[in-house]
Amino acid sequence: MSNATSPVTSAAAAPEVTVWSLEQTSPSDLRPAAAAADDVRIVRSVTPLPEFSRFLYTAVGGDIRWTDRLGLSYAQWQEILRRPGAETWVAYERGTPAGFIELDAQDGGVVEIAYFGLIPAFRGRRIGGHLLSYGAARAWDLAERHRGRAPTTRVWVHTCSDDGPHAMDNYLRRGFRLFDTRTEHGSAAAPSGPWPGAFPSPAHDPASGA
């Protein structure tokens, strides 16, 4: 999973969060995971739709302290989704959204994996590694789908200790290399799932790439 939490007002009350930044600098760095089951498909969400993107964000990040976009207006969501080179790829299992990966095209041929993760019910089912592999490959060939976009020269991402002990391993197994580590203050509020009581005791680790 991706993206660190935003700062909170009272740092003393907030837990410390370790944030790791990782990168690939060549398409050959990517080490794909084994394909998921035949009933898993990954499809690009081409139409910018804040309602759908906010659903994915809250469903995936509700229990792992994703808070930075919760206060955005509809217009702000539209602006994010309509940025040149922005892409969202969604994994479906038997027609149901299981998770997503969001790509953010930046200057100089750089692409950030802005968000990546699975909805809790789909974690631990060998979908995460496949989705990350597919999304990283789409980051490398992103220029082919966007006229005037420079070819990708670097793909990067950051993950944090709130994402669970297996998040880092998933990125490393896919060929990402660590280039920065820092400590921040996370959210003082304890997450409870996409809505209160949804997943009070997740059966699987939040960021398992299995």
C-alpha atoms as a PDB file:
ATOM      1  CA  MET A   1       0.000   0.000   0.000  1.00  0.00           C
ATOM      2  CA  SER A   2       1.016   3.551  -0.430  1.00  0.00           C
ATOM      3  CA  ASN A   3       0.901   7.022   1.001  1.00  0.00           C
ATOM      4  CA  ALA A   4       1.799   8.174   4.482  1.00  0.00           C
ATOM      5  CA  THR A   5      -0.664   9.794   6.830  1.00  0.00           C
ATOM      6  CA  SER A   6      -0.995  13.543   7.187  1.00  0.00           C
ATOM      7  CA  PRO A   7       0.269  15.352  10.313  1.00  0.00           C
ATOM      8  CA  VAL A   8      -2.089  15.877  13.252  1.00  0.00           C
ATOM      9  CA  THR A   9      -2.489  18.864  15.540  1.00  0.00           C
ATOM     10  CA  SER A  10      -1.257  17.223  18.731  1.00  0.00           C
ATOM     11  CA  ALA A  11       1.996  15.449  17.928  1.00  0.00           C
ATOM     12  CA  ALA A  12       2.362  14.268  21.534  1.00  0.00           C
ATOM     13  CA  ALA A  13      -0.843  12.228  21.280  1.00  0.00           C
ATOM     14  CA  ALA A  14       0.000  10.696  17.914  1.00  0.00           C
ATOM     15  CA  PRO A  15       2.031   7.532  17.360  1.00  0.00           C
ATOM     16  CA  GLU A  16       5.236   7.684  15.359  1.00  0.00           C
ATOM     17  CA  VAL A  17       5.072   6.236  11.865  1.00  0.00           C
ATOM     18  CA  THR A  18       8.057   5.066   9.823  1.00  0.00           C
ATOM     19  CA  VAL A  19       7.812   6.029   6.156  1.00  0.00           C
ATOM     20  CA  TRP A  20       9.854   4.201   3.523  1.00  0.00           C
ATOM     21  CA  SER A  21      10.361   5.480  -0.042  1.00  0.00           C
ATOM     22  CA  LEU A  22      11.231   3.000  -2.781  1.00  0.00           C
ATOM     23  CA  GLU A  23      11.921   3.195  -6.499  1.00  0.00           C
ATOM     24  CA  GLN A  24      12.569   1.409  -9.771  1.00  0.00           C
ATOM     25  CA  THR A  25      14.766   3.083 -12.369  1.00  0.00           C
ATOM     26  CA  SER A  26      14.354   0.652 -15.255  1.00  0.00           C
ATOM     27  CA  PRO A  27      11.513  -1.541 -16.550  1.00  0.00           C
ATOM     28  CA  SER A  28      13.868  -4.480 -16.070  1.00  0.00           C
ATOM     29  CA  ASP A  29      13.761  -3.854 -12.300  1.00  0.00           C
ATOM     30  CA  LEU A  30      10.197  -5.152 -12.165  1.00  0.00           C
ATOM     31  CA  ARG A  31       9.852  -8.719 -10.907  1.00  0.00           C
ATOM     32  CA  PRO A  32       6.235  -9.709 -11.523  1.00  0.00           C
ATOM     33  CA  ALA A  33       4.310 -11.848  -9.101  1.00  0.00           C
ATOM     34  CA  ALA A  34       2.468 -14.942 -10.214  1.00  0.00           C
ATOM     35  CA  ALA A  35      -0.841 -14.207 -11.885  1.00  0.00           C
ATOM     36  CA  ALA A  36      -3.915 -14.238  -9.693  1.00  0.00           C
ATOM     37  CA  ALA A  37      -6.814 -16.641 -10.158  1.00  0.00           C
ATOM     38  CA  ASP A  38      -8.738 -16.600 -13.424  1.00  0.00           C
ATOM     39  CA  ASP A  39     -11.680 -14.805 -11.793  1.00  0.00           C
ATOM     40  CA  VAL A  40      -9.519 -11.732 -11.008  1.00  0.00           C
ATOM     41  CA  ARG A  41      -9.366  -8.996 -13.646  1.00  0.00           C
ATOM     42  CA  ILE A  42      -7.610  -5.621 -13.601  1.00  0.00           C
ATOM     43  CA  VAL A  43      -9.347  -2.821 -15.494  1.00  0.00           C
ATOM     44  CA  ARG A  44      -8.518   0.852 -15.906  1.00  0.00           C
ATOM     45  CA  SER A  45     -11.158   3.244 -14.576  1.00  0.00           C
ATOM     46  CA  VAL A  46     -11.034   5.643 -17.512  1.00  0.00           C
ATOM     47  CA  THR A  47     -13.902   7.992 -16.619  1.00  0.00           C
ATOM     48  CA  PRO A  48     -12.899  10.407 -13.796  1.00  0.00           C
ATOM     49  CA  LEU A  49     -15.561   9.683 -11.171  1.00  0.00           C
ATOM     50  CA  PRO A  50     -14.999  11.093  -7.655  1.00  0.00           C
ATOM     51  CA  GLU A  51     -17.757   8.929  -6.166  1.00  0.00           C
ATOM     52  CA  PHE A  52     -16.022   5.730  -7.270  1.00  0.00           C
ATOM     53  CA  SER A  53     -12.505   6.881  -6.404  1.00  0.00           C
ATOM     54  CA  ARG A  54     -13.576   8.009  -2.936  1.00  0.00           C
ATOM     55  CA  PHE A  55     -15.257   4.636  -2.392  1.00  0.00           C
ATOM     56  CA  LEU A  56     -12.018   2.837  -3.278  1.00  0.00           C
ATOM     57  CA  TYR A  57      -9.968   5.148  -1.060  1.00  0.00           C
ATOM     58  CA  THR A  58     -12.168   4.709   2.015  1.00  0.00           C
ATOM     59  CA  ALA A  59     -12.776   0.979   1.500  1.00  0.00           C
ATOM     60  CA  VAL A  60      -9.050   0.199   1.189  1.00  0.00           C
ATOM     61  CA  GLY A  61      -7.705   2.733   3.667  1.00  0.00           C
ATOM     62  CA  GLY A  62     -10.375   2.798   6.368  1.00  0.00           C
ATOM     63  CA  ASP A  63      -8.525   0.502   8.759  1.00  0.00           C
ATOM     64  CA  ILE A  64      -4.950   1.645   8.007  1.00  0.00           C
ATOM     65  CA  ARG A  65      -5.195   5.371   8.733  1.00  0.00           C
ATOM     66  CA  TRP A  66      -5.653   6.812   5.241  1.00  0.00           C
ATOM     67  CA  THR A  67      -6.998  10.254   6.132  1.00  0.00           C
ATOM     68  CA  ASP A  68      -5.381  12.835   3.862  1.00  0.00           C
ATOM     69  CA  ARG A  69      -8.155  12.848   1.235  1.00  0.00           C
ATOM     70  CA  LEU A  70     -11.176  12.542   3.513  1.00  0.00           C
ATOM     71  CA  GLY A  71     -11.755  16.292   3.622  1.00  0.00           C
ATOM     72  CA  LEU A  72     -11.476  16.931  -0.119  1.00  0.00           C
ATOM     73  CA  SER A  73     -14.357  18.536  -1.967  1.00  0.00           C
ATOM     74  CA  TYR A  74     -15.929  17.023  -5.071  1.00  0.00           C
ATOM     75  CA  ALA A  75     -14.072  19.555  -7.226  1.00  0.00           C
ATOM     76  CA  GLN A  76     -10.758  18.661  -5.599  1.00  0.00           C
ATOM     77  CA  TRP A  77     -11.344  14.968  -6.332  1.00  0.00           C
ATOM     78  CA  GLN A  78     -12.104  15.863  -9.948  1.00  0.00           C
ATOM     79  CA  GLU A  79      -8.892  17.863 -10.201  1.00  0.00           C
ATOM     80  CA  ILE A  80      -6.831  14.907  -8.965  1.00  0.00           C
ATOM     81  CA  LEU A  81      -8.480  12.429 -11.318  1.00  0.00           C
ATOM     82  CA  ARG A  82      -8.200  14.710 -14.355  1.00  0.00           C
ATOM     83  CA  ARG A  83      -4.503  15.479 -14.020  1.00  0.00           C
ATOM     84  CA  PRO A  84      -2.572  14.700 -17.220  1.00  0.00           C
ATOM     85  CA  GLY A  85      -1.299  11.146 -17.022  1.00  0.00           C
ATOM     86  CA  ALA A  86      -3.279  10.207 -13.907  1.00  0.00           C
ATOM     87  CA  GLU A  87      -4.570   6.626 -14.008  1.00  0.00           C
ATOM     88  CA  THR A  88      -6.531   4.345 -11.689  1.00  0.00           C
ATOM     89  CA  TRP A  89      -6.469   0.582 -12.225  1.00  0.00           C
ATOM     90  CA  VAL A  90      -8.990  -1.538 -10.330  1.00  0.00           C
ATOM     91  CA  ALA A  91      -8.782  -5.234  -9.496  1.00  0.00           C
ATOM     92  CA  TYR A  92     -12.106  -7.105  -9.623  1.00  0.00           C
ATOM     93  CA  GLU A  93     -12.842 -10.567  -8.330  1.00  0.00           C
ATOM     94  CA  ARG A  94     -15.955 -12.027  -9.954  1.00  0.00           C
ATOM     95  CA  GLY A  95     -17.185  -8.511 -10.716  1.00  0.00           C
ATOM     96  CA  THR A  96     -16.598  -7.042  -7.250  1.00  0.00           C
ATOM     97  CA  PRO A  97     -13.913  -4.361  -6.680  1.00  0.00           C
ATOM     98  CA  ALA A  98     -11.089  -5.890  -4.643  1.00  0.00           C
ATOM     99  CA  GLY A  99      -8.515  -3.080  -4.650  1.00  0.00           C
ATOM    100  CA  PHE A 100      -6.861  -0.413  -6.746  1.00  0.00           C
ATOM    101  CA  ILE A 101      -3.599   1.215  -7.741  1.00  0.00           C
ATOM    102  CA  GLU A 102      -3.433   4.915  -8.600  1.00  0.00           C
ATOM    103  CA  LEU A 103      -0.646   6.323 -10.790  1.00  0.00           C
ATOM    104  CA  ASP A 104       0.415   9.972 -10.754  1.00  0.00           C
ATOM    105  CA  ALA A 105       2.497  11.147 -13.729  1.00  0.00           C
ATOM    106  CA  GLN A 106       5.083  13.730 -12.663  1.00  0.00           C
ATOM    107  CA  ASP A 107       7.716  15.831 -14.419  1.00  0.00           C
ATOM    108  CA  GLY A 108      10.759  14.316 -16.068  1.00  0.00           C
ATOM    109  CA  GLY A 109       9.241  10.941 -16.880  1.00  0.00           C
ATOM    110  CA  VAL A 110       8.634  10.136 -13.207  1.00  0.00           C
ATOM    111  CA  VAL A 111       5.532   8.184 -12.158  1.00  0.00           C
ATOM    112  CA  GLU A 112       4.460   7.853  -8.529  1.00  0.00           C
ATOM    113  CA  ILE A 113       2.305   5.023  -7.268  1.00  0.00           C
ATOM    114  CA  ALA A 114       0.176   7.397  -5.230  1.00  0.00           C
ATOM    115  CA  TYR A 115      -2.086   4.744  -3.693  1.00  0.00           C
ATOM    116  CA  PHE A 116      -2.194   0.972  -3.749  1.00  0.00           C
ATOM    117  CA  GLY A 117      -4.086  -1.522  -1.659  1.00  0.00           C
ATOM    118  CA  LEU A 118      -6.823  -4.092  -1.246  1.00  0.00           C
ATOM    119  CA  ILE A 119     -10.186  -3.959   0.497  1.00  0.00           C
ATOM    120  CA  PRO A 120      -9.842  -5.964   3.758  1.00  0.00           C
ATOM    121  CA  ALA A 121     -12.041  -8.850   2.600  1.00  0.00           C
ATOM    122  CA  PHE A 122      -9.643  -9.535  -0.293  1.00  0.00           C
ATOM    123  CA  ARG A 123      -6.338  -9.419   1.561  1.00  0.00           C
ATOM    124  CA  GLY A 124      -4.243 -12.545   1.909  1.00  0.00           C
ATOM    125  CA  ARG A 125      -5.626 -14.099  -1.295  1.00  0.00           C
ATOM    126  CA  ARG A 126      -2.667 -13.597  -3.641  1.00  0.00           C
ATOM    127  CA  ILE A 127      -4.247 -10.586  -5.349  1.00  0.00           C
ATOM    128  CA  GLY A 128      -1.956  -7.854  -3.975  1.00  0.00           C
ATOM    129  CA  GLY A 129       1.271  -8.998  -5.599  1.00  0.00           C
ATOM    130  CA  HIS A 130      -0.439  -9.387  -8.961  1.00  0.00           C
ATOM    131  CA  LEU A 131      -2.101  -5.962  -8.741  1.00  0.00           C
ATOM    132  CA  LEU A 132       1.183  -4.278  -7.778  1.00  0.00           C
ATOM    133  CA  SER A 133       3.011  -6.029 -10.621  1.00  0.00           C
ATOM    134  CA  TYR A 134       0.377  -4.992 -13.137  1.00  0.00           C
ATOM    135  CA  GLY A 135       0.235  -1.421 -11.865  1.00  0.00           C
ATOM    136  CA  ALA A 136       4.014  -0.994 -11.922  1.00  0.00           C
ATOM    137  CA  ALA A 137       4.080  -2.290 -15.499  1.00  0.00           C
ATOM    138  CA  ARG A 138       1.423   0.293 -16.427  1.00  0.00           C
ATOM    139  CA  ALA A 139       3.547   2.991 -14.799  1.00  0.00           C
ATOM    140  CA  TRP A 140       6.434   2.007 -17.089  1.00  0.00           C
ATOM    141  CA  ASP A 141       4.339   2.079 -20.275  1.00  0.00           C
ATOM    142  CA  LEU A 142       2.160   5.046 -19.244  1.00  0.00           C
ATOM    143  CA  ALA A 143       3.521   7.313 -22.006  1.00  0.00           C
ATOM    144  CA  GLU A 144       2.066   4.967 -24.623  1.00  0.00           C
ATOM    145  CA  ARG A 145      -1.446   5.979 -23.492  1.00  0.00           C
ATOM    146  CA  HIS A 146      -0.863   9.738 -23.124  1.00  0.00           C
ATOM    147  CA  ARG A 147       0.165  11.815 -26.115  1.00  0.00           C
ATOM    148  CA  GLY A 148       3.075  14.125 -25.393  1.00  0.00           C
ATOM    149  CA  ARG A 149       4.063  12.322 -22.208  1.00  0.00           C
ATOM    150  CA  ALA A 150       7.803  11.615 -21.883  1.00  0.00           C
ATOM    151  CA  PRO A 151       8.713   7.927 -21.545  1.00  0.00           C
ATOM    152  CA  THR A 152       8.861   6.789 -17.939  1.00  0.00           C
ATOM    153  CA  THR A 153      12.355   6.876 -16.427  1.00  0.00           C
ATOM    154  CA  ARG A 154      11.506   6.214 -12.771  1.00  0.00           C
ATOM    155  CA  VAL A 155       8.655   4.689 -10.780  1.00  0.00           C
ATOM    156  CA  TRP A 156       8.506   5.404  -7.058  1.00  0.00           C
ATOM    157  CA  VAL A 157       6.260   4.851  -4.074  1.00  0.00           C
ATOM    158  CA  HIS A 158       6.186   5.329  -0.354  1.00  0.00           C
ATOM    159  CA  THR A 159       4.717   3.031   2.251  1.00  0.00           C
ATOM    160  CA  CYS A 160       4.629   3.222   6.032  1.00  0.00           C
ATOM    161  CA  SER A 161       4.532   1.109   9.175  1.00  0.00           C
ATOM    162  CA  ASP A 162       0.739   1.570   9.455  1.00  0.00           C
ATOM    163  CA  ASP A 163       0.429  -0.449   6.247  1.00  0.00           C
ATOM    164  CA  GLY A 164       1.524  -3.617   8.055  1.00  0.00           C
ATOM    165  CA  PRO A 165       4.681  -5.750   8.215  1.00  0.00           C
ATOM    166  CA  HIS A 166       4.266  -7.295   4.761  1.00  0.00           C
ATOM    167  CA  ALA A 167       3.845  -4.077   2.758  1.00  0.00           C
ATOM    168  CA  MET A 168       7.565  -3.441   2.456  1.00  0.00           C
ATOM    169  CA  ASP A 169       8.226  -7.059   1.482  1.00  0.00           C
ATOM    170  CA  ASN A 170       5.696  -6.835  -1.333  1.00  0.00           C
ATOM    171  CA  TYR A 171       7.495  -3.844  -2.873  1.00  0.00           C
ATOM    172  CA  LEU A 172      10.914  -5.413  -2.440  1.00  0.00           C
ATOM    173  CA  ARG A 173       9.752  -8.654  -4.052  1.00  0.00           C
ATOM    174  CA  ARG A 174       8.534  -6.673  -7.053  1.00  0.00           C
ATOM    175  CA  GLY A 175      11.997  -5.134  -7.520  1.00  0.00           C
ATOM    176  CA  PHE A 176      11.614  -1.780  -5.771  1.00  0.00           C
ATOM    177  CA  ARG A 177      14.686  -0.487  -3.916  1.00  0.00           C
ATOM    178  CA  LEU A 178      14.682   1.573  -0.725  1.00  0.00           C
ATOM    179  CA  PHE A 179      16.101   5.098  -1.093  1.00  0.00           C
ATOM    180  CA  ASP A 180      14.780   6.992   1.930  1.00  0.00           C
ATOM    181  CA  THR A 181      13.499   6.353   5.471  1.00  0.00           C
ATOM    182  CA  ARG A 182      11.971   8.926   7.791  1.00  0.00           C
ATOM    183  CA  THR A 183       9.762   9.159  10.879  1.00  0.00           C
ATOM    184  CA  GLU A 184       6.541  11.165  11.063  1.00  0.00           C
ATOM    185  CA  HIS A 185       3.658  11.543  13.486  1.00  0.00           C
ATOM    186  CA  GLY A 186       0.620   9.598  12.388  1.00  0.00           C
ATOM    187  CA  SER A 187      -3.045   9.964  13.199  1.00  0.00           C
ATOM    188  CA  ALA A 188      -4.009   9.826  16.865  1.00  0.00           C
ATOM    189  CA  ALA A 189      -7.427   8.394  16.039  1.00  0.00           C
ATOM    190  CA  ALA A 190      -7.593   4.605  15.909  1.00  0.00           C
ATOM    191  CA  PRO A 191      -9.105   3.398  12.625  1.00  0.00           C
ATOM    192  CA  SER A 192     -12.082   1.059  12.769  1.00  0.00           C
ATOM    193  CA  GLY A 193     -12.508   0.021   9.153  1.00  0.00           C
ATOM    194  CA  PRO A 194     -14.321   1.573   6.178  1.00  0.00           C
ATOM    195  CA  TRP A 195     -17.097   2.346   8.682  1.00  0.00           C
ATOM    196  CA  PRO A 196     -17.371   1.580  12.429  1.00  0.00           C
ATOM    197  CA  GLY A 197     -17.481  -2.159  13.054  1.00  0.00           C
ATOM    198  CA  ALA A 198     -16.751  -3.227   9.495  1.00  0.00           C
ATOM    199  CA  PHE A 199     -13.496  -5.060  10.219  1.00  0.00           C
ATOM    200  CA  PRO A 200     -12.700  -4.688  13.935  1.00  0.00           C
ATOM    201  CA  SER A 201     -10.261  -7.613  13.854  1.00  0.00           C
ATOM    202  CA  PRO A 202      -9.009  -8.176  10.294  1.00  0.00           C
ATOM    203  CA  ALA A 203      -8.281 -11.829   9.608  1.00  0.00           C
ATOM    204  CA  HIS A 204      -5.382 -10.937   7.307  1.00  0.00           C
ATOM    205  CA  ASP A 205      -2.529  -8.534   7.595  1.00  0.00           C
ATOM    206  CA  PRO A 206      -3.530  -5.129   6.089  1.00  0.00           C
ATOM    207  CA  ALA A 207      -0.777  -4.975   3.487  1.00  0.00           C
ATOM    208  CA  SER A 208      -0.046  -8.580   2.699  1.00  0.00           C
ATOM    209  CA  GLY A 209       1.161  -9.073  -0.814  1.00  0.00           C
ATOM    210  CA  ALA A 210       0.235 -12.750  -0.681  1.00  0.00           C
END
